[in-house]
């Protein structure tokens, strides 16, 4: 079940945080397993 997406990350994003109860994030006992899928992550600092 898709719970939350960061949406397209834009330049200058220092971190992406998922906190239970913030912006509809559920990271509690609703599920025994949670997955985070990373799609085409690109850094601003090389290597």
ModelCIF file with pLDDT and N, C-alpha, C, O atoms, coordinates in Angstrom:
data_MODEL
#
_entry.id   MODEL 
#
_entity.id                         1 
_entity.type                       polymer 
_entity.pdbx_number_of_molecules   1 
#
_entity_poly.entity_id                      1 
_entity_poly.type                           'polypeptide(L)' 
_entity_poly.nstd_linkage                   no 
_entity_poly.nstd_monomer                   no 
_entity_poly.pdbx_seq_one_letter_code       
;(UNK)(UNK)(UNK)(UNK)(UNK)(UNK)(UNK)(UNK)(UNK)(UNK)(UNK)(UNK)(UNK)(UNK)(UNK)(UNK)
(UNK)(UNK)(UNK)(UNK)(UNK)(UNK)(UNK)(UNK)(UNK)(UNK)(UNK)(UNK)(UNK)(UNK)(UNK)(UNK)
(UNK)(UNK)(UNK)(UNK)(UNK)(UNK)(UNK)(UNK)(UNK)(UNK)(UNK)(UNK)(UNK)(UNK)(UNK)
;
_entity_poly.pdbx_seq_one_letter_code_can   XXXXXXXXXXXXXXXXXXXXXXXXXXXXXXXXXXXXXXXXXXXXXXX 
_entity_poly.pdbx_strand_id                 A 
#
loop_
_entity_poly_seq.entity_id 
_entity_poly_seq.num 
_entity_poly_seq.mon_id 
_entity_poly_seq.hetero 
1 1  UNK n 
1 2  UNK n 
1 3  UNK n 
1 4  UNK n 
1 5  UNK n 
1 6  UNK n 
1 7  UNK n 
1 8  UNK n 
1 9  UNK n 
1 10 UNK n 
1 11 UNK n 
1 12 UNK n 
1 13 UNK n 
1 14 UNK n 
1 15 UNK n 
1 16 UNK n 
1 17 UNK n 
1 18 UNK n 
1 19 UNK n 
1 20 UNK n 
1 21 UNK n 
1 22 UNK n 
1 23 UNK n 
1 24 UNK n 
1 25 UNK n 
1 26 UNK n 
1 27 UNK n 
1 28 UNK n 
1 29 UNK n 
1 30 UNK n 
1 31 UNK n 
1 32 UNK n 
1 33 UNK n 
1 34 UNK n 
1 35 UNK n 
1 36 UNK n 
1 37 UNK n 
1 38 UNK n 
1 39 UNK n 
1 40 UNK n 
1 41 UNK n 
1 42 UNK n 
1 43 UNK n 
1 44 UNK n 
1 45 UNK n 
1 46 UNK n 
1 47 UNK n 
#
_struct_asym.id          A 
_struct_asym.entity_id   1 
#
loop_
_ma_qa_metric.id 
_ma_qa_metric.mode 
_ma_qa_metric.name 
_ma_qa_metric.software_group_id 
_ma_qa_metric.type 
1 global pLDDT . pLDDT 
2 local  pLDDT . pLDDT 
#
_ma_qa_metric_global.metric_id      1 
_ma_qa_metric_global.metric_value   89.23 
_ma_qa_metric_global.model_id       1 
_ma_qa_metric_global.ordinal_id     1 
#
loop_
_ma_qa_metric_local.label_asym_id 
_ma_qa_metric_local.label_comp_id 
_ma_qa_metric_local.label_seq_id 
_ma_qa_metric_local.metric_id 
_ma_qa_metric_local.metric_value 
_ma_qa_metric_local.model_id 
_ma_qa_metric_local.ordinal_id 
A UNK 1  2 95.00 1 1  
A UNK 2  2 94.00 1 2  
A UNK 3  2 93.00 1 3  
A UNK 4  2 92.00 1 4  
A UNK 5  2 91.00 1 5  
A UNK 6  2 89.00 1 6  
A UNK 7  2 80.00 1 7  
A UNK 8  2 79.00 1 8  
A UNK 9  2 86.00 1 9  
A UNK 10 2 80.00 1 10 
A UNK 11 2 80.00 1 11 
A UNK 12 2 78.00 1 12 
A UNK 13 2 82.00 1 13 
A UNK 14 2 87.00 1 14 
A UNK 15 2 90.00 1 15 
A UNK 16 2 92.00 1 16 
A UNK 17 2 91.00 1 17 
A UNK 18 2 91.00 1 18 
A UNK 19 2 90.00 1 19 
A UNK 20 2 88.00 1 20 
A UNK 21 2 81.00 1 21 
A UNK 22 2 79.00 1 22 
A UNK 23 2 73.00 1 23 
A UNK 24 2 73.00 1 24 
A UNK 25 2 83.00 1 25 
A UNK 26 2 84.00 1 26 
A UNK 27 2 90.00 1 27 
A UNK 28 2 90.00 1 28 
A UNK 29 2 92.00 1 29 
A UNK 30 2 93.00 1 30 
A UNK 31 2 95.00 1 31 
A UNK 32 2 94.00 1 32 
A UNK 33 2 97.00 1 33 
A UNK 34 2 97.00 1 34 
A UNK 35 2 98.00 1 35 
A UNK 36 2 97.00 1 36 
A UNK 37 2 97.00 1 37 
A UNK 38 2 97.00 1 38 
A UNK 39 2 96.00 1 39 
A UNK 40 2 94.00 1 40 
A UNK 41 2 94.00 1 41 
A UNK 42 2 93.00 1 42 
A UNK 43 2 93.00 1 43 
A UNK 44 2 91.00 1 44 
A UNK 45 2 92.00 1 45 
A UNK 46 2 91.00 1 46 
A UNK 47 2 92.00 1 47 
#
loop_
_atom_site.group_PDB 
_atom_site.id 
_atom_site.type_symbol 
_atom_site.label_atom_id 
_atom_site.label_alt_id 
_atom_site.label_comp_id 
_atom_site.label_asym_id 
_atom_site.label_entity_id 
_atom_site.label_seq_id 
_atom_site.pdbx_PDB_ins_code 
_atom_site.Cartn_x 
_atom_site.Cartn_y 
_atom_site.Cartn_z 
_atom_site.occupancy 
_atom_site.B_iso_or_equiv 
_atom_site.pdbx_formal_charge 
_atom_site.auth_seq_id 
_atom_site.auth_comp_id 
_atom_site.auth_asym_id 
_atom_site.auth_atom_id 
_atom_site.pdbx_PDB_model_num 
ATOM 1   N N  . UNK A 1 1  ? 0.848  -1.178 0.000  1.00 95.00 ? 1  UNK A N  1 
ATOM 2   C CA . UNK A 1 1  ? 0.000  0.000  0.000  1.00 95.00 ? 1  UNK A CA 1 
ATOM 3   C C  . UNK A 1 1  ? 0.887  1.232  0.000  1.00 95.00 ? 1  UNK A C  1 
ATOM 4   O O  . UNK A 1 1  ? 1.705  1.418  0.901  1.00 95.00 ? 1  UNK A O  1 
ATOM 5   N N  . UNK A 1 2  ? 0.723  2.077  -1.019 1.00 94.00 ? 2  UNK A N  1 
ATOM 6   C CA . UNK A 1 2  ? 1.487  3.327  -1.053 1.00 94.00 ? 2  UNK A CA 1 
ATOM 7   C C  . UNK A 1 2  ? 0.967  4.234  0.055  1.00 94.00 ? 2  UNK A C  1 
ATOM 8   O O  . UNK A 1 2  ? -0.219 4.561  0.100  1.00 94.00 ? 2  UNK A O  1 
ATOM 9   N N  . UNK A 1 3  ? 1.862  4.634  0.940  1.00 93.00 ? 3  UNK A N  1 
ATOM 10  C CA . UNK A 1 3  ? 1.495  5.493  2.060  1.00 93.00 ? 3  UNK A CA 1 
ATOM 11  C C  . UNK A 1 3  ? 1.800  6.947  1.749  1.00 93.00 ? 3  UNK A C  1 
ATOM 12  O O  . UNK A 1 3  ? 0.969  7.827  1.971  1.00 93.00 ? 3  UNK A O  1 
ATOM 13  N N  . UNK A 1 4  ? 2.986  7.190  1.239  1.00 92.00 ? 4  UNK A N  1 
ATOM 14  C CA . UNK A 1 4  ? 3.431  8.565  1.022  1.00 92.00 ? 4  UNK A CA 1 
ATOM 15  C C  . UNK A 1 4  ? 4.512  8.579  -0.036 1.00 92.00 ? 4  UNK A C  1 
ATOM 16  O O  . UNK A 1 4  ? 5.307  7.644  -0.131 1.00 92.00 ? 4  UNK A O  1 
ATOM 17  N N  . UNK A 1 5  ? 4.547  9.628  -0.824 1.00 91.00 ? 5  UNK A N  1 
ATOM 18  C CA . UNK A 1 5  ? 5.635  9.842  -1.755 1.00 91.00 ? 5  UNK A CA 1 
ATOM 19  C C  . UNK A 1 5  ? 6.225  11.216 -1.484 1.00 91.00 ? 5  UNK A C  1 
ATOM 20  O O  . UNK A 1 5  ? 5.514  12.160 -1.139 1.00 91.00 ? 5  UNK A O  1 
ATOM 21  N N  . UNK A 1 6  ? 7.519  11.307 -1.643 1.00 89.00 ? 6  UNK A N  1 
ATOM 22  C CA . UNK A 1 6  ? 8.180  12.591 -1.435 1.00 89.00 ? 6  UNK A CA 1 
ATOM 23  C C  . UNK A 1 6  ? 7.817  13.569 -2.538 1.00 89.00 ? 6  UNK A C  1 
ATOM 24  O O  . UNK A 1 6  ? 8.039  14.773 -2.411 1.00 89.00 ? 6  UNK A O  1 
ATOM 25  N N  . UNK A 1 7  ? 7.248  13.037 -3.640 1.00 80.00 ? 7  UNK A N  1 
ATOM 26  C CA . UNK A 1 7  ? 7.068  13.870 -4.819 1.00 80.00 ? 7  UNK A CA 1 
ATOM 27  C C  . UNK A 1 7  ? 8.434  14.090 -5.442 1.00 80.00 ? 7  UNK A C  1 
ATOM 28  O O  . UNK A 1 7  ? 9.439  13.597 -4.928 1.00 80.00 ? 7  UNK A O  1 
ATOM 29  N N  . UNK A 1 8  ? 8.479  14.808 -6.519 1.00 79.00 ? 8  UNK A N  1 
ATOM 30  C CA . UNK A 1 8  ? 9.754  15.062 -7.181 1.00 79.00 ? 8  UNK A CA 1 
ATOM 31  C C  . UNK A 1 8  ? 10.628 15.911 -6.269 1.00 79.00 ? 8  UNK A C  1 
ATOM 32  O O  . UNK A 1 8  ? 10.254 17.024 -5.900 1.00 79.00 ? 8  UNK A O  1 
ATOM 33  N N  . UNK A 1 9  ? 11.771 15.393 -5.914 1.00 86.00 ? 9  UNK A N  1 
ATOM 34  C CA . UNK A 1 9  ? 12.710 16.120 -5.061 1.00 86.00 ? 9  UNK A CA 1 
ATOM 35  C C  . UNK A 1 9  ? 13.394 17.174 -5.917 1.00 86.00 ? 9  UNK A C  1 
ATOM 36  O O  . UNK A 1 9  ? 13.844 16.889 -7.026 1.00 86.00 ? 9  UNK A O  1 
ATOM 37  N N  . UNK A 1 10 ? 13.467 18.378 -5.401 1.00 80.00 ? 10 UNK A N  1 
ATOM 38  C CA . UNK A 1 10 ? 14.083 19.464 -6.172 1.00 80.00 ? 10 UNK A CA 1 
ATOM 39  C C  . UNK A 1 10 ? 15.458 19.806 -5.610 1.00 80.00 ? 10 UNK A C  1 
ATOM 40  O O  . UNK A 1 10 ? 15.794 19.447 -4.481 1.00 80.00 ? 10 UNK A O  1 
ATOM 41  N N  . UNK A 1 11 ? 16.230 20.495 -6.409 1.00 80.00 ? 11 UNK A N  1 
ATOM 42  C CA . UNK A 1 11 ? 17.592 20.877 -6.025 1.00 80.00 ? 11 UNK A CA 1 
ATOM 43  C C  . UNK A 1 11 ? 17.591 21.581 -4.675 1.00 80.00 ? 11 UNK A C  1 
ATOM 44  O O  . UNK A 1 11 ? 16.691 22.365 -4.374 1.00 80.00 ? 11 UNK A O  1 
ATOM 45  N N  . UNK A 1 12 ? 18.606 21.297 -3.866 1.00 78.00 ? 12 UNK A N  1 
ATOM 46  C CA . UNK A 1 12 ? 18.753 21.959 -2.578 1.00 78.00 ? 12 UNK A CA 1 
ATOM 47  C C  . UNK A 1 12 ? 18.042 21.268 -1.435 1.00 78.00 ? 12 UNK A C  1 
ATOM 48  O O  . UNK A 1 12 ? 17.922 21.849 -0.357 1.00 78.00 ? 12 UNK A O  1 
ATOM 49  N N  . UNK A 1 13 ? 17.561 20.032 -1.631 1.00 82.00 ? 13 UNK A N  1 
ATOM 50  C CA . UNK A 1 13 ? 16.903 19.294 -0.562 1.00 82.00 ? 13 UNK A CA 1 
ATOM 51  C C  . UNK A 1 13 ? 17.964 18.572 0.249  1.00 82.00 ? 13 UNK A C  1 
ATOM 52  O O  . UNK A 1 13 ? 18.578 17.624 -0.239 1.00 82.00 ? 13 UNK A O  1 
ATOM 53  N N  . UNK A 1 14 ? 18.188 19.014 1.496  1.00 87.00 ? 14 UNK A N  1 
ATOM 54  C CA . UNK A 1 14 ? 19.277 18.427 2.281  1.00 87.00 ? 14 UNK A CA 1 
ATOM 55  C C  . UNK A 1 14 ? 18.927 17.029 2.763  1.00 87.00 ? 14 UNK A C  1 
ATOM 56  O O  . UNK A 1 14 ? 19.816 16.186 2.881  1.00 87.00 ? 14 UNK A O  1 
ATOM 57  N N  . UNK A 1 15 ? 17.644 16.757 3.048  1.00 90.00 ? 15 UNK A N  1 
ATOM 58  C CA . UNK A 1 15 ? 17.239 15.415 3.452  1.00 90.00 ? 15 UNK A CA 1 
ATOM 59  C C  . UNK A 1 15 ? 15.748 15.242 3.212  1.00 90.00 ? 15 UNK A C  1 
ATOM 60  O O  . UNK A 1 15 ? 15.018 16.213 3.012  1.00 90.00 ? 15 UNK A O  1 
ATOM 61  N N  . UNK A 1 16 ? 15.308 13.988 3.236  1.00 92.00 ? 16 UNK A N  1 
ATOM 62  C CA . UNK A 1 16 ? 13.890 13.651 3.130  1.00 92.00 ? 16 UNK A CA 1 
ATOM 63  C C  . UNK A 1 16 ? 13.552 12.839 4.366  1.00 92.00 ? 16 UNK A C  1 
ATOM 64  O O  . UNK A 1 16 ? 14.180 11.815 4.635  1.00 92.00 ? 16 UNK A O  1 
ATOM 65  N N  . UNK A 1 17 ? 12.551 13.300 5.124  1.00 91.00 ? 17 UNK A N  1 
ATOM 66  C CA . UNK A 1 17 ? 12.199 12.676 6.384  1.00 91.00 ? 17 UNK A CA 1 
ATOM 67  C C  . UNK A 1 17 ? 10.753 12.223 6.366  1.00 91.00 ? 17 UNK A C  1 
ATOM 68  O O  . UNK A 1 17 ? 9.873  12.957 5.918  1.00 91.00 ? 17 UNK A O  1 
ATOM 69  N N  . UNK A 1 18 ? 10.503 11.007 6.856  1.00 91.00 ? 18 UNK A N  1 
ATOM 70  C CA . UNK A 1 18 ? 9.154  10.485 7.046  1.00 91.00 ? 18 UNK A CA 1 
ATOM 71  C C  . UNK A 1 18 ? 8.961  10.310 8.545  1.00 91.00 ? 18 UNK A C  1 
ATOM 72  O O  . UNK A 1 18 ? 9.677  9.536  9.180  1.00 91.00 ? 18 UNK A O  1 
ATOM 73  N N  . UNK A 1 19 ? 7.980  11.039 9.119  1.00 90.00 ? 19 UNK A N  1 
ATOM 74  C CA . UNK A 1 19 ? 7.700  10.993 10.553 1.00 90.00 ? 19 UNK A CA 1 
ATOM 75  C C  . UNK A 1 19 ? 6.244  10.581 10.744 1.00 90.00 ? 19 UNK A C  1 
ATOM 76  O O  . UNK A 1 19 ? 5.351  11.149 10.116 1.00 90.00 ? 19 UNK A O  1 
ATOM 77  N N  . UNK A 1 20 ? 6.002  9.599  11.604 1.00 88.00 ? 20 UNK A N  1 
ATOM 78  C CA . UNK A 1 20 ? 4.648  9.139  11.856 1.00 88.00 ? 20 UNK A CA 1 
ATOM 79  C C  . UNK A 1 20 ? 3.761  10.308 12.270 1.00 88.00 ? 20 UNK A C  1 
ATOM 80  O O  . UNK A 1 20 ? 4.115  11.090 13.152 1.00 88.00 ? 20 UNK A O  1 
ATOM 81  N N  . UNK A 1 21 ? 2.605  10.414 11.622 1.00 81.00 ? 21 UNK A N  1 
ATOM 82  C CA . UNK A 1 21 ? 1.642  11.448 11.951 1.00 81.00 ? 21 UNK A CA 1 
ATOM 83  C C  . UNK A 1 21 ? 1.854  12.759 11.229 1.00 81.00 ? 21 UNK A C  1 
ATOM 84  O O  . UNK A 1 21 ? 0.977  13.622 11.264 1.00 81.00 ? 21 UNK A O  1 
ATOM 85  N N  . UNK A 1 22 ? 2.988  12.937 10.577 1.00 79.00 ? 22 UNK A N  1 
ATOM 86  C CA . UNK A 1 22 ? 3.273  14.177 9.845  1.00 79.00 ? 22 UNK A CA 1 
ATOM 87  C C  . UNK A 1 22 ? 2.934  13.978 8.372  1.00 79.00 ? 22 UNK A C  1 
ATOM 88  O O  . UNK A 1 22 ? 3.445  13.055 7.737  1.00 79.00 ? 22 UNK A O  1 
ATOM 89  N N  . UNK A 1 23 ? 2.087  14.827 7.834  1.00 73.00 ? 23 UNK A N  1 
ATOM 90  C CA . UNK A 1 23 ? 1.725  14.773 6.413  1.00 73.00 ? 23 UNK A CA 1 
ATOM 91  C C  . UNK A 1 23 ? 1.237  13.393 6.005  1.00 73.00 ? 23 UNK A C  1 
ATOM 92  O O  . UNK A 1 23 ? 1.664  12.859 4.981  1.00 73.00 ? 23 UNK A O  1 
ATOM 93  N N  . UNK A 1 24 ? 0.357  12.820 6.790  1.00 73.00 ? 24 UNK A N  1 
ATOM 94  C CA . UNK A 1 24 ? -0.289 11.535 6.489  1.00 73.00 ? 24 UNK A CA 1 
ATOM 95  C C  . UNK A 1 24 ? 0.664  10.344 6.471  1.00 73.00 ? 24 UNK A C  1 
ATOM 96  O O  . UNK A 1 24 ? 0.321  9.312  5.895  1.00 73.00 ? 24 UNK A O  1 
ATOM 97  N N  . UNK A 1 25 ? 1.835  10.442 7.073  1.00 83.00 ? 25 UNK A N  1 
ATOM 98  C CA . UNK A 1 25 ? 2.757  9.316  7.142  1.00 83.00 ? 25 UNK A CA 1 
ATOM 99  C C  . UNK A 1 25 ? 2.311  8.380  8.262  1.00 83.00 ? 25 UNK A C  1 
ATOM 100 O O  . UNK A 1 25 ? 1.972  8.824  9.359  1.00 83.00 ? 25 UNK A O  1 
ATOM 101 N N  . UNK A 1 26 ? 2.316  7.091  7.974  1.00 84.00 ? 26 UNK A N  1 
ATOM 102 C CA . UNK A 1 26 ? 2.015  6.089  8.981  1.00 84.00 ? 26 UNK A CA 1 
ATOM 103 C C  . UNK A 1 26 ? 3.237  5.192  9.110  1.00 84.00 ? 26 UNK A C  1 
ATOM 104 O O  . UNK A 1 26 ? 3.503  4.383  8.220  1.00 84.00 ? 26 UNK A O  1 
ATOM 105 N N  . UNK A 1 27 ? 3.972  5.319  10.185 1.00 90.00 ? 27 UNK A N  1 
ATOM 106 C CA . UNK A 1 27 ? 5.102  4.451  10.488 1.00 90.00 ? 27 UNK A CA 1 
ATOM 107 C C  . UNK A 1 27 ? 4.885  3.977  11.922 1.00 90.00 ? 27 UNK A C  1 
ATOM 108 O O  . UNK A 1 27 ? 5.527  4.435  12.867 1.00 90.00 ? 27 UNK A O  1 
ATOM 109 N N  . UNK A 1 28 ? 3.939  3.025  12.037 1.00 90.00 ? 28 UNK A N  1 
ATOM 110 C CA . UNK A 1 28 ? 3.545  2.522  13.350 1.00 90.00 ? 28 UNK A CA 1 
ATOM 111 C C  . UNK A 1 28 ? 3.238  1.037  13.208 1.00 90.00 ? 28 UNK A C  1 
ATOM 112 O O  . UNK A 1 28 ? 3.836  0.363  12.368 1.00 90.00 ? 28 UNK A O  1 
ATOM 113 N N  . UNK A 1 29 ? 2.310  0.512  14.020 1.00 92.00 ? 29 UNK A N  1 
ATOM 114 C CA . UNK A 1 29 ? 2.000  -0.916 13.959 1.00 92.00 ? 29 UNK A CA 1 
ATOM 115 C C  . UNK A 1 29 ? 0.919  -1.250 12.940 1.00 92.00 ? 29 UNK A C  1 
ATOM 116 O O  . UNK A 1 29 ? 0.410  -2.371 12.941 1.00 92.00 ? 29 UNK A O  1 
ATOM 117 N N  . UNK A 1 30 ? 0.550  -0.305 12.068 1.00 93.00 ? 30 UNK A N  1 
ATOM 118 C CA . UNK A 1 30 ? -0.413 -0.588 11.008 1.00 93.00 ? 30 UNK A CA 1 
ATOM 119 C C  . UNK A 1 30 ? 0.106  -1.711 10.108 1.00 93.00 ? 30 UNK A C  1 
ATOM 120 O O  . UNK A 1 30 ? -0.659 -2.576 9.681  1.00 93.00 ? 30 UNK A O  1 
ATOM 121 N N  . UNK A 1 31 ? 1.399  -1.692 9.824  1.00 95.00 ? 31 UNK A N  1 
ATOM 122 C CA . UNK A 1 31 ? 2.052  -2.727 9.017  1.00 95.00 ? 31 UNK A CA 1 
ATOM 123 C C  . UNK A 1 31 ? 3.250  -3.267 9.786  1.00 95.00 ? 31 UNK A C  1 
ATOM 124 O O  . UNK A 1 31 ? 3.898  -2.538 10.538 1.00 95.00 ? 31 UNK A O  1 
ATOM 125 N N  . UNK A 1 32 ? 3.538  -4.543 9.591  1.00 94.00 ? 32 UNK A N  1 
ATOM 126 C CA . UNK A 1 32 ? 4.731  -5.136 10.197 1.00 94.00 ? 32 UNK A CA 1 
ATOM 127 C C  . UNK A 1 32 ? 5.979  -4.819 9.398  1.00 94.00 ? 32 UNK A C  1 
ATOM 128 O O  . UNK A 1 32 ? 7.087  -4.830 9.934  1.00 94.00 ? 32 UNK A O  1 
ATOM 129 N N  . UNK A 1 33 ? 5.798  -4.531 8.097  1.00 97.00 ? 33 UNK A N  1 
ATOM 130 C CA . UNK A 1 33 ? 6.924  -4.274 7.207  1.00 97.00 ? 33 UNK A CA 1 
ATOM 131 C C  . UNK A 1 33 ? 6.662  -2.991 6.437  1.00 97.00 ? 33 UNK A C  1 
ATOM 132 O O  . UNK A 1 33 ? 5.553  -2.762 5.954  1.00 97.00 ? 33 UNK A O  1 
ATOM 133 N N  . UNK A 1 34 ? 7.683  -2.161 6.326  1.00 97.00 ? 34 UNK A N  1 
ATOM 134 C CA . UNK A 1 34 ? 7.619  -0.934 5.524  1.00 97.00 ? 34 UNK A CA 1 
ATOM 135 C C  . UNK A 1 34 ? 8.737  -0.980 4.480  1.00 97.00 ? 34 UNK A C  1 
ATOM 136 O O  . UNK A 1 34 ? 9.845  -1.438 4.760  1.00 97.00 ? 34 UNK A O  1 
ATOM 137 N N  . UNK A 1 35 ? 8.428  -0.500 3.278  1.00 98.00 ? 35 UNK A N  1 
ATOM 138 C CA . UNK A 1 35 ? 9.433  -0.405 2.222  1.00 98.00 ? 35 UNK A CA 1 
ATOM 139 C C  . UNK A 1 35 ? 9.547  1.033  1.760  1.00 98.00 ? 35 UNK A C  1 
ATOM 140 O O  . UNK A 1 35 ? 8.561  1.766  1.679  1.00 98.00 ? 35 UNK A O  1 
ATOM 141 N N  . UNK A 1 36 ? 10.777 1.414  1.461  1.00 97.00 ? 36 UNK A N  1 
ATOM 142 C CA . UNK A 1 36 ? 11.058 2.733  0.895  1.00 97.00 ? 36 UNK A CA 1 
ATOM 143 C C  . UNK A 1 36 ? 11.703 2.497  -0.467 1.00 97.00 ? 36 UNK A C  1 
ATOM 144 O O  . UNK A 1 36 ? 12.758 1.869  -0.564 1.00 97.00 ? 36 UNK A O  1 
ATOM 145 N N  . UNK A 1 37 ? 11.061 3.006  -1.512 1.00 97.00 ? 37 UNK A N  1 
ATOM 146 C CA . UNK A 1 37 ? 11.559 2.838  -2.877 1.00 97.00 ? 37 UNK A CA 1 
ATOM 147 C C  . UNK A 1 37 ? 12.201 4.149  -3.323 1.00 97.00 ? 37 UNK A C  1 
ATOM 148 O O  . UNK A 1 37 ? 11.598 5.217  -3.220 1.00 97.00 ? 37 UNK A O  1 
ATOM 149 N N  . UNK A 1 38 ? 13.422 4.049  -3.814 1.00 97.00 ? 38 UNK A N  1 
ATOM 150 C CA . UNK A 1 38 ? 14.190 5.210  -4.268 1.00 97.00 ? 38 UNK A CA 1 
ATOM 151 C C  . UNK A 1 38 ? 14.208 5.184  -5.795 1.00 97.00 ? 38 UNK A C  1 
ATOM 152 O O  . UNK A 1 38 ? 14.600 4.188  -6.402 1.00 97.00 ? 38 UNK A O  1 
ATOM 153 N N  . UNK A 1 39 ? 13.784 6.276  -6.402 1.00 96.00 ? 39 UNK A N  1 
ATOM 154 C CA . UNK A 1 39 ? 13.667 6.342  -7.858 1.00 96.00 ? 39 UNK A CA 1 
ATOM 155 C C  . UNK A 1 39 ? 14.560 7.460  -8.385 1.00 96.00 ? 39 UNK A C  1 
ATOM 156 O O  . UNK A 1 39 ? 14.317 8.638  -8.121 1.00 96.00 ? 39 UNK A O  1 
ATOM 157 N N  . UNK A 1 40 ? 15.583 7.086  -9.122 1.00 94.00 ? 40 UNK A N  1 
ATOM 158 C CA . UNK A 1 40 ? 16.484 8.029  -9.789 1.00 94.00 ? 40 UNK A CA 1 
ATOM 159 C C  . UNK A 1 40 ? 16.988 9.141  -8.867 1.00 94.00 ? 40 UNK A C  1 
ATOM 160 O O  . UNK A 1 40 ? 16.867 10.325 -9.179 1.00 94.00 ? 40 UNK A O  1 
ATOM 161 N N  . UNK A 1 41 ? 17.550 8.740  -7.736 1.00 94.00 ? 41 UNK A N  1 
ATOM 162 C CA . UNK A 1 41 ? 18.129 9.711  -6.803 1.00 94.00 ? 41 UNK A CA 1 
ATOM 163 C C  . UNK A 1 41 ? 19.404 10.280 -7.423 1.00 94.00 ? 41 UNK A C  1 
ATOM 164 O O  . UNK A 1 41 ? 20.270 9.538  -7.888 1.00 94.00 ? 41 UNK A O  1 
ATOM 165 N N  . UNK A 1 42 ? 19.502 11.596 -7.422 1.00 93.00 ? 42 UNK A N  1 
ATOM 166 C CA . UNK A 1 42 ? 20.638 12.290 -8.040 1.00 93.00 ? 42 UNK A CA 1 
ATOM 167 C C  . UNK A 1 42 ? 21.167 13.303 -7.026 1.00 93.00 ? 42 UNK A C  1 
ATOM 168 O O  . UNK A 1 42 ? 20.401 14.139 -6.546 1.00 93.00 ? 42 UNK A O  1 
ATOM 169 N N  . UNK A 1 43 ? 22.459 13.249 -6.689 1.00 93.00 ? 43 UNK A N  1 
ATOM 170 C CA . UNK A 1 43 ? 23.010 14.171 -5.696 1.00 93.00 ? 43 UNK A CA 1 
ATOM 171 C C  . UNK A 1 43 ? 23.492 15.476 -6.330 1.00 93.00 ? 43 UNK A C  1 
ATOM 172 O O  . UNK A 1 43 ? 23.761 15.528 -7.530 1.00 93.00 ? 43 UNK A O  1 
ATOM 173 N N  . UNK A 1 44 ? 23.599 16.516 -5.525 1.00 91.00 ? 44 UNK A N  1 
ATOM 174 C CA . UNK A 1 44 ? 24.222 17.753 -6.035 1.00 91.00 ? 44 UNK A CA 1 
ATOM 175 C C  . UNK A 1 44 ? 25.738 17.719 -5.847 1.00 91.00 ? 44 UNK A C  1 
ATOM 176 O O  . UNK A 1 44 ? 26.456 18.441 -6.539 1.00 91.00 ? 44 UNK A O  1 
ATOM 177 N N  . UNK A 1 45 ? 26.238 16.896 -4.925 1.00 92.00 ? 45 UNK A N  1 
ATOM 178 C CA . UNK A 1 45 ? 27.673 16.761 -4.698 1.00 92.00 ? 45 UNK A CA 1 
ATOM 179 C C  . UNK A 1 45 ? 28.145 15.454 -5.331 1.00 92.00 ? 45 UNK A C  1 
ATOM 180 O O  . UNK A 1 45 ? 27.585 14.390 -5.066 1.00 92.00 ? 45 UNK A O  1 
ATOM 181 N N  . UNK A 1 46 ? 29.157 15.540 -6.152 1.00 91.00 ? 46 UNK A N  1 
ATOM 182 C CA . UNK A 1 46 ? 29.652 14.374 -6.879 1.00 91.00 ? 46 UNK A CA 1 
ATOM 183 C C  . UNK A 1 46 ? 30.132 13.275 -5.933 1.00 91.00 ? 46 UNK A C  1 
ATOM 184 O O  . UNK A 1 46 ? 30.718 13.550 -4.886 1.00 91.00 ? 46 UNK A O  1 
ATOM 185 N N  . UNK A 1 47 ? 29.872 12.025 -6.322 1.00 92.00 ? 47 UNK A N  1 
ATOM 186 C CA . UNK A 1 47 ? 30.371 10.844 -5.616 1.00 92.00 ? 47 UNK A CA 1 
ATOM 187 C C  . UNK A 1 47 ? 29.917 10.792 -4.160 1.00 92.00 ? 47 UNK A C  1 
ATOM 188 O O  . UNK A 1 47 ? 30.259 9.855  -3.440 1.00 92.00 ? 47 UNK A O  1 
#
